[in-house]
């Protein structure tokens, strides 16, 4: 099964997906990695592995993902033969027409136990709220912010001595294990539907 990755940052979750592919625990191939940030390290990681890369032109908008840019992104993913799109630290809201091009085939990983703490820096939100546990969620992407159906979740305890950085680091360890597992589950469902 062919995956496409959208990311804005370092690409540690994409690296976890590649590691699972290399280990034989995820039967897939990444065909294309696209970023809205030309300097994102995720593009460098992909190039080092010989994976095609590209930059998404968001027309100068800092946070918005314009419809025409989403249409172009959908075309590039389809042209690469992508069946499942995985967001890996992609910091823009995906809407139509990209959602229409890949219905129930766009996944995201979020560093909280959704529906708690949607949006940015959810580990800081969890610390500020004084909760005893947070975690991470892999979910299908819909038109809302972190509102799509949940695929897998796993809790992470919040320690008394946690800083935002230490909590985020512990959540990421779980993310890197959970995301490939969730992708494998979704791909199994897609294979059955073919």
Protein backbone atom coordinates (compact mmCIF):
# COMPACT_ATOMS: atom_id res chain seq x y z
CA UNK A 1 0.00 0.00 0.00
CA UNK A 2 1.28 3.42 -0.96
CA UNK A 3 1.42 6.21 1.62
CA UNK A 4 1.75 9.96 1.19
CA UNK A 5 3.02 12.09 4.07
CA UNK A 6 2.23 15.75 4.80
CA UNK A 7 4.44 17.41 7.40
CA UNK A 8 5.61 20.82 8.56
CA UNK A 9 8.51 20.02 10.90
CA UNK A 10 11.22 17.52 11.76
CA UNK A 11 9.39 14.40 10.58
CA UNK A 12 9.96 12.20 13.63
CA UNK A 13 6.59 10.48 13.11
CA UNK A 14 7.46 9.87 9.44
CA UNK A 15 10.74 8.35 10.63
CA UNK A 16 8.78 6.06 12.96
CA UNK A 17 6.68 4.95 9.97
CA UNK A 18 9.86 4.30 7.93
CA UNK A 19 11.34 2.34 10.85
CA UNK A 20 8.21 0.16 11.00
CA UNK A 21 8.39 -0.44 7.24
CA UNK A 22 12.09 -1.36 7.55
CA UNK A 23 11.31 -3.73 10.44
CA UNK A 24 8.58 -5.45 8.42
CA UNK A 25 5.84 -4.54 10.90
CA UNK A 26 4.15 -2.16 8.44
CA UNK A 27 3.52 -3.44 4.91
CA UNK A 28 3.58 -0.16 3.02
CA UNK A 29 5.75 2.21 1.01
CA UNK A 30 6.02 6.01 1.23
CA UNK A 31 5.81 7.42 -2.29
CA UNK A 32 5.70 11.16 -1.64
CA UNK A 33 6.41 13.60 1.19
CA UNK A 34 5.01 17.13 0.91
CA UNK A 35 5.57 20.07 3.24
CA UNK A 36 4.20 23.59 3.54
CA UNK A 37 7.61 24.57 4.98
CA UNK A 38 10.45 24.49 2.40
CA UNK A 39 13.04 24.28 5.21
CA UNK A 40 11.34 21.44 7.10
CA UNK A 41 13.68 18.62 8.11
CA UNK A 42 11.00 16.09 7.09
CA UNK A 43 11.93 16.84 3.45
CA UNK A 44 15.62 16.15 4.16
CA UNK A 45 14.75 12.87 5.90
CA UNK A 46 12.71 11.82 2.86
CA UNK A 47 15.39 12.82 0.34
CA UNK A 48 18.00 10.79 2.24
CA UNK A 49 15.75 7.75 1.76
CA UNK A 50 15.21 8.44 -1.94
CA UNK A 51 11.56 9.39 -1.44
CA UNK A 52 10.08 12.03 -3.76
CA UNK A 53 9.42 15.36 -2.05
CA UNK A 54 7.70 18.62 -2.81
CA UNK A 55 6.68 21.93 -1.30
CA UNK A 56 3.03 22.94 -0.96
CA UNK A 57 2.44 26.51 -2.15
CA UNK A 58 0.03 28.02 0.38
CA UNK A 59 -0.04 31.37 -1.47
CA UNK A 60 1.79 33.24 1.27
CA UNK A 61 -0.71 32.38 4.02
CA UNK A 62 0.91 31.58 7.37
CA UNK A 63 -1.72 29.16 8.68
CA UNK A 64 -4.49 28.88 6.06
CA UNK A 65 -4.52 25.98 3.56
CA UNK A 66 -6.18 27.54 0.49
CA UNK A 67 -8.58 25.42 -1.58
CA UNK A 68 -6.47 25.65 -4.74
CA UNK A 69 -3.39 24.52 -2.78
CA UNK A 70 -5.40 21.58 -1.40
CA UNK A 71 -6.55 20.65 -4.93
CA UNK A 72 -2.93 20.73 -6.16
CA UNK A 73 -1.84 18.63 -3.19
CA UNK A 74 -4.56 16.06 -3.90
CA UNK A 75 -3.46 15.82 -7.54
CA UNK A 76 0.20 15.35 -6.59
CA UNK A 77 -0.71 12.61 -4.11
CA UNK A 78 -2.96 10.83 -6.64
CA UNK A 79 -0.30 11.10 -9.37
CA UNK A 80 2.14 9.36 -6.98
CA UNK A 81 -0.34 6.48 -6.53
CA UNK A 82 -1.03 7.32 -2.88
CA UNK A 83 -3.87 5.34 -1.24
CA UNK A 84 -3.54 6.64 2.34
CA UNK A 85 -2.42 10.11 3.46
CA UNK A 86 -0.69 10.45 6.84
CA UNK A 87 -0.31 13.82 8.51
CA UNK A 88 2.96 13.92 10.44
CA UNK A 89 3.17 17.22 12.27
CA UNK A 90 1.26 19.04 9.52
CA UNK A 91 0.11 22.32 11.04
CA UNK A 92 -2.70 23.34 8.68
CA UNK A 93 -6.35 22.33 8.76
CA UNK A 94 -7.22 19.94 5.94
CA UNK A 95 -10.61 20.59 4.35
CA UNK A 96 -12.22 20.19 0.94
CA UNK A 97 -11.16 19.39 -1.74
CA UNK A 98 -8.39 17.27 -0.19
CA UNK A 99 -10.87 15.46 2.09
CA UNK A 100 -13.06 14.68 -0.94
CA UNK A 101 -10.08 13.26 -2.84
CA UNK A 102 -9.19 10.86 0.01
CA UNK A 103 -12.44 10.12 1.91
CA UNK A 104 -11.73 8.29 5.19
CA UNK A 105 -8.14 7.90 3.95
CA UNK A 106 -6.38 10.77 5.74
CA UNK A 107 -4.95 10.05 9.19
CA UNK A 108 -3.48 12.31 11.85
CA UNK A 109 -1.70 11.75 15.14
CA UNK A 110 -2.46 14.17 17.95
CA UNK A 111 -0.55 14.45 21.26
CA UNK A 112 -3.58 14.23 23.57
CA UNK A 113 -6.45 11.90 24.38
CA UNK A 114 -9.03 13.46 22.08
CA UNK A 115 -11.55 15.01 22.44
CA UNK A 116 -9.48 16.61 25.25
CA UNK A 117 -7.01 19.32 24.25
CA UNK A 118 -7.45 19.73 20.48
CA UNK A 119 -5.28 22.18 18.58
CA UNK A 120 -1.70 23.27 19.07
CA UNK A 121 0.65 22.40 21.95
CA UNK A 122 -1.84 20.08 23.62
CA UNK A 123 0.82 18.84 26.07
CA UNK A 124 1.01 22.40 27.44
CA UNK A 125 -2.79 22.52 27.59
CA UNK A 126 -2.74 19.28 29.62
CA UNK A 127 -0.16 20.66 32.08
CA UNK A 128 -2.08 23.92 32.45
CA UNK A 129 -5.29 21.97 33.16
CA UNK A 130 -3.59 19.93 35.90
CA UNK A 131 -4.74 16.54 34.58
CA UNK A 132 -3.12 13.33 35.84
CA UNK A 133 -2.88 11.78 32.38
CA UNK A 134 -2.85 12.77 28.76
CA UNK A 135 -1.64 10.70 25.81
CA UNK A 136 -1.96 10.49 22.07
CA UNK A 137 -4.65 9.71 19.51
CA UNK A 138 -4.55 8.50 15.92
CA UNK A 139 -7.71 9.57 14.15
CA UNK A 140 -9.29 9.98 10.74
CA UNK A 141 -9.24 13.57 9.55
CA UNK A 142 -12.53 15.34 8.99
CA UNK A 143 -13.32 19.03 8.39
CA UNK A 144 -13.00 19.94 12.09
CA UNK A 145 -9.93 20.50 14.24
CA UNK A 146 -8.95 17.11 15.67
CA UNK A 147 -12.59 15.93 15.58
CA UNK A 148 -12.44 12.88 13.29
CA UNK A 149 -13.22 9.31 14.37
CA UNK A 150 -10.61 7.80 16.70
CA UNK A 151 -8.62 4.77 15.50
CA UNK A 152 -6.27 4.21 18.47
CA UNK A 153 -5.46 6.03 21.72
CA UNK A 154 -2.96 5.44 24.47
CA UNK A 155 -2.63 7.28 27.80
CA UNK A 156 0.57 8.83 29.11
CA UNK A 157 0.75 9.77 32.81
CA UNK A 158 1.54 13.37 33.75
CA UNK A 159 4.28 13.42 36.40
CA UNK A 160 4.50 16.06 39.14
CA UNK A 161 7.94 17.11 37.89
CA UNK A 162 6.93 17.32 34.21
CA UNK A 163 7.81 20.33 32.10
CA UNK A 164 6.14 20.87 28.73
CA UNK A 165 9.28 19.48 27.09
CA UNK A 166 9.53 16.33 29.21
CA UNK A 167 5.83 15.53 28.82
CA UNK A 168 5.95 16.10 25.07
CA UNK A 169 9.01 13.84 24.77
CA UNK A 170 7.22 10.99 26.61
CA UNK A 171 4.12 11.42 24.45
CA UNK A 172 6.26 11.26 21.30
CA UNK A 173 7.71 7.89 22.36
CA UNK A 174 4.16 6.51 22.43
CA UNK A 175 3.25 8.30 19.17
CA UNK A 176 6.13 6.64 17.33
CA UNK A 177 4.83 3.20 18.30
CA UNK A 178 1.10 3.89 17.97
CA UNK A 179 1.04 5.62 14.56
CA UNK A 180 2.50 2.73 12.52
CA UNK A 181 0.19 0.33 14.38
CA UNK A 182 -2.88 2.43 13.48
CA UNK A 183 -1.75 2.80 9.86
CA UNK A 184 -1.40 -0.98 9.62
CA UNK A 185 -4.96 -1.43 10.95
CA UNK A 186 -6.38 1.05 8.43
CA UNK A 187 -4.44 -0.50 5.55
CA UNK A 188 -5.79 -3.93 6.47
CA UNK A 189 -9.30 -2.51 6.16
CA UNK A 190 -8.48 -0.91 2.80
CA UNK A 191 -7.06 -4.18 1.48
CA UNK A 192 -10.24 -6.00 2.46
CA UNK A 193 -12.38 -3.44 0.64
CA UNK A 194 -10.47 -3.82 -2.66
